[in-house]
N, C-alpha and C. Protein backbone atom coordinates (compact mmCIF):
# COMPACT_ATOMS: atom_id res chain seq x y z
N UNK A 1 134.23 -176.81 -28.77
CA UNK A 1 133.46 -175.69 -29.37
C UNK A 1 132.00 -175.83 -28.97
N UNK A 2 131.44 -174.70 -28.63
CA UNK A 2 130.01 -174.73 -28.24
C UNK A 2 129.15 -174.40 -29.41
N UNK A 3 127.97 -175.09 -29.40
CA UNK A 3 127.01 -174.94 -30.44
C UNK A 3 125.64 -174.51 -29.81
N UNK A 4 124.75 -174.07 -30.68
CA UNK A 4 123.40 -173.75 -30.29
C UNK A 4 122.49 -174.81 -30.72
N UNK A 5 121.71 -175.33 -29.77
CA UNK A 5 120.68 -176.33 -30.06
C UNK A 5 119.34 -175.78 -29.71
N UNK A 6 118.37 -176.09 -30.49
CA UNK A 6 116.96 -175.64 -30.27
C UNK A 6 116.14 -176.84 -29.94
N UNK A 7 115.52 -176.89 -28.75
CA UNK A 7 114.60 -177.97 -28.37
C UNK A 7 113.27 -177.44 -28.71
N UNK A 8 112.49 -178.16 -29.57
CA UNK A 8 111.18 -177.77 -29.94
C UNK A 8 110.15 -178.59 -29.18
N UNK A 9 108.96 -177.94 -28.90
CA UNK A 9 107.92 -178.57 -28.11
C UNK A 9 106.72 -178.72 -28.93
N UNK A 10 105.78 -179.47 -28.39
CA UNK A 10 104.55 -179.85 -29.09
C UNK A 10 103.72 -178.63 -29.50
N UNK A 11 103.81 -177.55 -28.70
CA UNK A 11 103.02 -176.32 -29.01
C UNK A 11 103.83 -175.39 -29.96
N UNK A 12 104.88 -175.89 -30.59
CA UNK A 12 105.65 -175.16 -31.62
C UNK A 12 106.56 -174.04 -31.08
N UNK A 13 106.67 -173.98 -29.76
CA UNK A 13 107.63 -173.09 -29.18
C UNK A 13 108.96 -173.81 -29.08
N UNK A 14 110.06 -173.06 -28.72
CA UNK A 14 111.34 -173.72 -28.68
C UNK A 14 112.17 -173.05 -27.54
N UNK A 15 113.20 -173.79 -27.13
CA UNK A 15 114.16 -173.36 -26.18
C UNK A 15 115.53 -173.44 -26.76
N UNK A 16 116.28 -172.34 -26.63
CA UNK A 16 117.66 -172.34 -27.14
C UNK A 16 118.60 -172.79 -26.02
N UNK A 17 119.47 -173.69 -26.33
CA UNK A 17 120.46 -174.28 -25.38
C UNK A 17 121.81 -174.18 -25.99
N UNK A 18 122.76 -173.64 -25.23
CA UNK A 18 124.17 -173.59 -25.65
C UNK A 18 124.84 -174.88 -25.09
N UNK A 19 125.43 -175.66 -25.98
CA UNK A 19 126.02 -176.97 -25.57
C UNK A 19 127.19 -177.33 -26.43
N UNK A 20 127.86 -178.37 -26.01
CA UNK A 20 128.98 -178.98 -26.72
C UNK A 20 128.45 -180.17 -27.50
N UNK A 21 128.85 -180.26 -28.75
CA UNK A 21 128.49 -181.42 -29.56
C UNK A 21 129.69 -182.29 -29.73
N UNK A 22 129.58 -183.52 -29.43
CA UNK A 22 130.66 -184.49 -29.57
C UNK A 22 130.20 -185.66 -30.39
N UNK A 23 131.00 -185.99 -31.42
CA UNK A 23 130.76 -187.13 -32.28
C UNK A 23 131.69 -188.22 -31.92
N UNK A 24 131.20 -189.47 -31.93
CA UNK A 24 132.09 -190.61 -31.52
C UNK A 24 131.65 -191.88 -32.20
N UNK A 25 132.68 -192.77 -32.38
CA UNK A 25 132.42 -194.12 -32.92
C UNK A 25 132.64 -195.08 -31.81
N UNK A 26 132.88 -194.68 -30.57
CA UNK A 26 133.05 -195.54 -29.45
C UNK A 26 131.74 -196.21 -29.01
N UNK A 27 131.85 -197.42 -28.54
CA UNK A 27 130.60 -198.15 -28.05
C UNK A 27 130.52 -198.05 -26.51
N UNK A 28 131.62 -197.59 -25.81
CA UNK A 28 131.61 -197.35 -24.42
C UNK A 28 132.15 -195.89 -24.24
N UNK A 29 131.23 -195.05 -23.67
CA UNK A 29 131.52 -193.69 -23.49
C UNK A 29 131.66 -193.33 -22.00
N UNK A 30 132.80 -192.81 -21.64
CA UNK A 30 132.94 -192.32 -20.29
C UNK A 30 132.53 -190.83 -20.32
N UNK A 31 131.28 -190.59 -20.02
CA UNK A 31 130.65 -189.28 -20.19
C UNK A 31 131.35 -188.20 -19.36
N UNK A 32 131.86 -188.49 -18.21
CA UNK A 32 132.57 -187.49 -17.39
C UNK A 32 133.80 -186.92 -18.16
N UNK A 33 134.39 -187.77 -18.95
CA UNK A 33 135.60 -187.26 -19.72
C UNK A 33 135.15 -186.46 -20.88
N UNK A 34 133.93 -186.52 -21.31
CA UNK A 34 133.46 -185.78 -22.54
C UNK A 34 132.89 -184.44 -22.10
N UNK A 35 132.52 -184.28 -20.82
CA UNK A 35 131.84 -183.02 -20.33
C UNK A 35 132.83 -181.89 -20.30
N UNK A 36 132.28 -180.72 -20.42
CA UNK A 36 132.98 -179.47 -20.19
C UNK A 36 132.25 -178.73 -19.11
N UNK A 37 132.51 -179.01 -17.86
CA UNK A 37 131.78 -178.34 -16.80
C UNK A 37 130.39 -178.76 -16.75
N UNK A 38 129.48 -177.86 -16.41
CA UNK A 38 128.04 -178.14 -16.44
C UNK A 38 127.34 -177.82 -17.79
N UNK A 39 128.19 -177.52 -18.77
CA UNK A 39 127.61 -177.22 -20.12
C UNK A 39 126.84 -178.46 -20.69
N UNK A 40 125.72 -178.16 -21.30
CA UNK A 40 124.97 -179.28 -21.96
C UNK A 40 125.82 -179.97 -22.93
N UNK A 41 125.58 -181.28 -23.09
CA UNK A 41 126.39 -182.10 -23.95
C UNK A 41 125.47 -182.91 -24.92
N UNK A 42 125.69 -182.75 -26.27
CA UNK A 42 124.96 -183.52 -27.22
C UNK A 42 125.89 -184.47 -27.86
N UNK A 43 125.55 -185.76 -27.70
CA UNK A 43 126.34 -186.87 -28.26
C UNK A 43 125.74 -187.36 -29.61
N UNK A 44 126.58 -187.47 -30.57
CA UNK A 44 126.24 -188.10 -31.83
C UNK A 44 127.04 -189.33 -32.02
N UNK A 45 126.36 -190.48 -31.84
CA UNK A 45 127.04 -191.78 -31.85
C UNK A 45 127.00 -192.35 -33.26
N UNK A 46 128.20 -192.62 -33.78
CA UNK A 46 128.26 -192.97 -35.18
C UNK A 46 128.69 -194.38 -35.49
N UNK A 47 128.80 -195.25 -34.51
CA UNK A 47 129.14 -196.64 -34.78
C UNK A 47 127.87 -197.42 -35.27
N UNK A 48 128.13 -198.61 -35.78
CA UNK A 48 127.04 -199.39 -36.37
C UNK A 48 126.55 -200.48 -35.38
N UNK A 49 127.09 -200.54 -34.20
CA UNK A 49 126.64 -201.53 -33.22
C UNK A 49 125.25 -201.22 -32.71
N UNK A 50 124.55 -202.19 -32.20
CA UNK A 50 123.15 -201.97 -31.70
C UNK A 50 123.14 -201.08 -30.47
N UNK A 51 124.03 -201.35 -29.50
CA UNK A 51 123.96 -200.70 -28.19
C UNK A 51 125.24 -199.83 -27.93
N UNK A 52 125.09 -198.80 -27.13
CA UNK A 52 126.16 -197.98 -26.64
C UNK A 52 126.03 -197.90 -25.05
N UNK A 53 127.16 -198.18 -24.40
CA UNK A 53 127.15 -198.07 -22.96
C UNK A 53 127.61 -196.64 -22.53
N UNK A 54 126.81 -195.99 -21.74
CA UNK A 54 127.16 -194.65 -21.24
C UNK A 54 127.58 -194.85 -19.81
N UNK A 55 128.84 -194.67 -19.52
CA UNK A 55 129.32 -194.72 -18.14
C UNK A 55 129.11 -193.34 -17.45
N UNK A 56 128.21 -193.35 -16.50
CA UNK A 56 127.75 -192.05 -15.96
C UNK A 56 128.16 -191.85 -14.47
N UNK A 57 129.15 -192.56 -14.00
CA UNK A 57 129.64 -192.32 -12.68
C UNK A 57 130.14 -190.91 -12.44
N UNK A 58 129.61 -190.24 -11.38
CA UNK A 58 129.88 -188.89 -11.06
C UNK A 58 129.36 -187.88 -12.08
N UNK A 59 128.36 -188.27 -12.89
CA UNK A 59 127.69 -187.36 -13.83
C UNK A 59 126.26 -187.18 -13.30
N UNK A 60 126.12 -186.29 -12.36
CA UNK A 60 124.75 -186.03 -11.74
C UNK A 60 124.66 -184.63 -11.25
N UNK A 61 123.47 -184.07 -11.06
CA UNK A 61 122.18 -184.61 -11.52
C UNK A 61 122.02 -184.22 -12.97
N UNK A 62 121.68 -185.15 -13.82
CA UNK A 62 121.49 -184.97 -15.23
C UNK A 62 120.22 -185.72 -15.74
N UNK A 63 119.64 -185.13 -16.77
CA UNK A 63 118.62 -185.89 -17.51
C UNK A 63 119.15 -186.09 -18.93
N UNK A 64 118.94 -187.27 -19.45
CA UNK A 64 119.35 -187.65 -20.78
C UNK A 64 118.11 -187.69 -21.69
N UNK A 65 118.15 -186.93 -22.74
CA UNK A 65 117.05 -186.92 -23.73
C UNK A 65 117.50 -187.69 -24.94
N UNK A 66 116.73 -188.70 -25.32
CA UNK A 66 117.09 -189.61 -26.42
C UNK A 66 116.37 -189.15 -27.67
N UNK A 67 117.06 -189.10 -28.81
CA UNK A 67 116.51 -188.68 -30.04
C UNK A 67 116.83 -189.72 -31.14
N UNK A 68 115.98 -189.78 -32.20
CA UNK A 68 116.14 -190.63 -33.32
C UNK A 68 115.96 -189.80 -34.59
N UNK A 69 116.66 -190.02 -35.64
CA UNK A 69 116.50 -189.29 -36.91
C UNK A 69 115.52 -190.00 -37.81
N UNK A 70 114.50 -189.25 -38.27
CA UNK A 70 113.58 -189.79 -39.30
C UNK A 70 113.36 -188.70 -40.31
N UNK A 71 113.60 -189.07 -41.60
CA UNK A 71 113.42 -188.11 -42.64
C UNK A 71 114.23 -186.79 -42.45
N UNK A 72 115.39 -186.89 -41.82
CA UNK A 72 116.23 -185.78 -41.56
C UNK A 72 115.86 -184.91 -40.42
N UNK A 73 114.82 -185.34 -39.66
CA UNK A 73 114.38 -184.57 -38.46
C UNK A 73 114.79 -185.35 -37.22
N UNK A 74 115.35 -184.64 -36.22
CA UNK A 74 115.83 -185.24 -34.98
C UNK A 74 114.65 -185.24 -34.02
N UNK A 75 114.00 -186.46 -33.85
CA UNK A 75 112.75 -186.53 -33.08
C UNK A 75 113.04 -187.05 -31.66
N UNK A 76 112.34 -186.43 -30.72
CA UNK A 76 112.40 -186.91 -29.27
C UNK A 76 111.79 -188.25 -29.11
N UNK A 77 112.48 -189.18 -28.41
CA UNK A 77 111.97 -190.55 -28.23
C UNK A 77 111.77 -190.91 -26.75
N UNK A 78 112.53 -190.29 -25.88
CA UNK A 78 112.41 -190.64 -24.48
C UNK A 78 113.52 -190.03 -23.63
N UNK A 79 113.51 -190.37 -22.35
CA UNK A 79 114.49 -189.71 -21.48
C UNK A 79 114.80 -190.67 -20.27
N UNK A 80 115.93 -190.36 -19.67
CA UNK A 80 116.38 -191.13 -18.44
C UNK A 80 116.99 -190.09 -17.53
N UNK A 81 117.05 -190.40 -16.27
CA UNK A 81 117.67 -189.56 -15.32
C UNK A 81 118.87 -190.16 -14.64
N UNK A 82 119.84 -189.41 -14.28
CA UNK A 82 120.94 -189.85 -13.39
C UNK A 82 120.92 -188.88 -12.23
N UNK A 83 120.28 -189.28 -11.17
CA UNK A 83 120.19 -188.43 -9.99
C UNK A 83 120.99 -189.01 -8.82
N UNK A 84 121.70 -190.05 -9.11
CA UNK A 84 122.49 -190.80 -8.10
C UNK A 84 123.76 -190.03 -7.70
N UNK A 85 123.79 -189.47 -6.51
CA UNK A 85 124.96 -188.70 -6.06
C UNK A 85 126.03 -189.58 -5.34
N UNK A 86 125.76 -190.87 -5.25
CA UNK A 86 126.78 -191.71 -4.60
C UNK A 86 127.99 -191.89 -5.52
N UNK A 87 129.13 -192.13 -4.91
CA UNK A 87 130.35 -192.26 -5.67
C UNK A 87 130.53 -193.79 -6.01
N UNK A 88 129.51 -194.33 -6.73
CA UNK A 88 129.57 -195.70 -7.08
C UNK A 88 129.45 -195.80 -8.60
N UNK A 89 130.02 -196.86 -9.19
CA UNK A 89 129.88 -196.97 -10.67
C UNK A 89 128.46 -197.05 -11.07
N UNK A 90 128.15 -196.33 -12.19
CA UNK A 90 126.82 -196.37 -12.78
C UNK A 90 126.92 -196.27 -14.24
N UNK A 91 126.20 -197.09 -14.96
CA UNK A 91 126.17 -197.02 -16.42
C UNK A 91 124.85 -197.44 -16.96
N UNK A 92 124.54 -196.96 -18.14
CA UNK A 92 123.30 -197.37 -18.82
C UNK A 92 123.63 -197.82 -20.26
N UNK A 93 122.75 -198.62 -20.84
CA UNK A 93 122.94 -199.03 -22.19
C UNK A 93 121.80 -198.49 -23.02
N UNK A 94 122.07 -197.98 -24.21
CA UNK A 94 121.02 -197.40 -25.04
C UNK A 94 121.25 -197.76 -26.52
N UNK A 95 120.16 -197.81 -27.23
CA UNK A 95 120.20 -197.98 -28.70
C UNK A 95 120.15 -196.65 -29.44
N UNK A 96 119.84 -195.59 -28.74
CA UNK A 96 119.77 -194.31 -29.41
C UNK A 96 121.14 -193.72 -29.73
N UNK A 97 121.20 -193.02 -30.86
CA UNK A 97 122.47 -192.52 -31.39
C UNK A 97 122.61 -190.98 -31.21
N UNK A 98 121.54 -190.32 -30.75
CA UNK A 98 121.53 -188.85 -30.55
C UNK A 98 121.05 -188.66 -29.09
N UNK A 99 121.92 -188.19 -28.25
CA UNK A 99 121.60 -188.04 -26.84
C UNK A 99 122.00 -186.59 -26.36
N UNK A 100 121.06 -185.95 -25.67
CA UNK A 100 121.31 -184.62 -25.12
C UNK A 100 121.30 -184.74 -23.60
N UNK A 101 122.39 -184.43 -22.97
CA UNK A 101 122.52 -184.37 -21.53
C UNK A 101 122.37 -182.93 -20.99
N UNK A 102 121.39 -182.81 -20.11
CA UNK A 102 121.06 -181.51 -19.54
C UNK A 102 121.22 -181.56 -18.05
N UNK A 103 121.79 -180.53 -17.45
CA UNK A 103 121.85 -180.48 -15.97
C UNK A 103 120.44 -180.43 -15.42
N UNK A 104 120.19 -181.20 -14.37
CA UNK A 104 118.84 -181.28 -13.81
C UNK A 104 118.83 -180.40 -12.52
N UNK A 105 117.71 -179.69 -12.26
CA UNK A 105 116.39 -179.75 -12.89
C UNK A 105 116.34 -178.94 -14.18
N UNK A 106 115.41 -179.28 -15.03
CA UNK A 106 115.23 -178.58 -16.27
C UNK A 106 113.97 -177.66 -16.21
N UNK A 107 113.89 -176.75 -17.12
CA UNK A 107 112.79 -175.72 -17.04
C UNK A 107 111.58 -176.08 -17.92
N UNK A 108 111.49 -177.33 -18.38
CA UNK A 108 110.38 -177.70 -19.22
C UNK A 108 109.93 -179.14 -18.84
N UNK A 109 108.73 -179.51 -19.41
CA UNK A 109 108.27 -180.83 -19.19
C UNK A 109 108.69 -181.75 -20.31
N UNK A 110 109.28 -182.89 -19.92
CA UNK A 110 109.80 -183.79 -20.97
C UNK A 110 108.74 -184.26 -21.93
N UNK A 111 107.54 -184.49 -21.44
CA UNK A 111 106.46 -184.98 -22.35
C UNK A 111 105.98 -183.96 -23.42
N UNK A 112 106.51 -182.78 -23.34
CA UNK A 112 106.17 -181.69 -24.29
C UNK A 112 107.23 -181.62 -25.39
N UNK A 113 108.40 -182.25 -25.25
CA UNK A 113 109.46 -182.20 -26.21
C UNK A 113 109.04 -182.95 -27.47
N UNK A 114 109.33 -182.30 -28.65
CA UNK A 114 109.02 -183.01 -29.91
C UNK A 114 110.26 -183.25 -30.76
N UNK A 115 111.17 -182.30 -30.84
CA UNK A 115 112.32 -182.44 -31.74
C UNK A 115 113.49 -181.50 -31.33
N UNK A 116 114.54 -181.65 -32.07
CA UNK A 116 115.77 -180.93 -31.78
C UNK A 116 116.36 -180.48 -33.14
N UNK A 117 116.94 -179.24 -33.12
CA UNK A 117 117.64 -178.74 -34.30
C UNK A 117 118.98 -178.21 -33.83
N UNK A 118 120.06 -178.55 -34.56
CA UNK A 118 121.42 -178.05 -34.21
C UNK A 118 121.76 -176.92 -35.22
N UNK A 119 122.18 -175.89 -34.68
CA UNK A 119 122.70 -174.77 -35.55
C UNK A 119 124.13 -175.06 -35.95
N UNK A 120 124.49 -174.85 -37.22
CA UNK A 120 125.82 -175.14 -37.58
C UNK A 120 126.72 -173.91 -37.59
């Protein structure tokens, strides 16, 4: 099911993104299996372990936006890129529990992102 996500920027403007929201308790995620074409993917990781491994083989070109929840607000914390088009295994480990995967290139500057809101 597709959801509407609003990415907010430091200047209080926002960008509406249609994406798929997936909740999981897994600590190893094969992202290619969770994707639905080139649709944006928002991962809500619900396990209590410190790290999650994201297996990103053949998931390119994508930018991963990391978010953390503070006082009920989903705040932007950082980003990573997967621009590797080689057919070689590639994975990253993260402590973040809210991750938005967007097809790259994106239409905004990452340093301007402030928060995210999911429409229900």
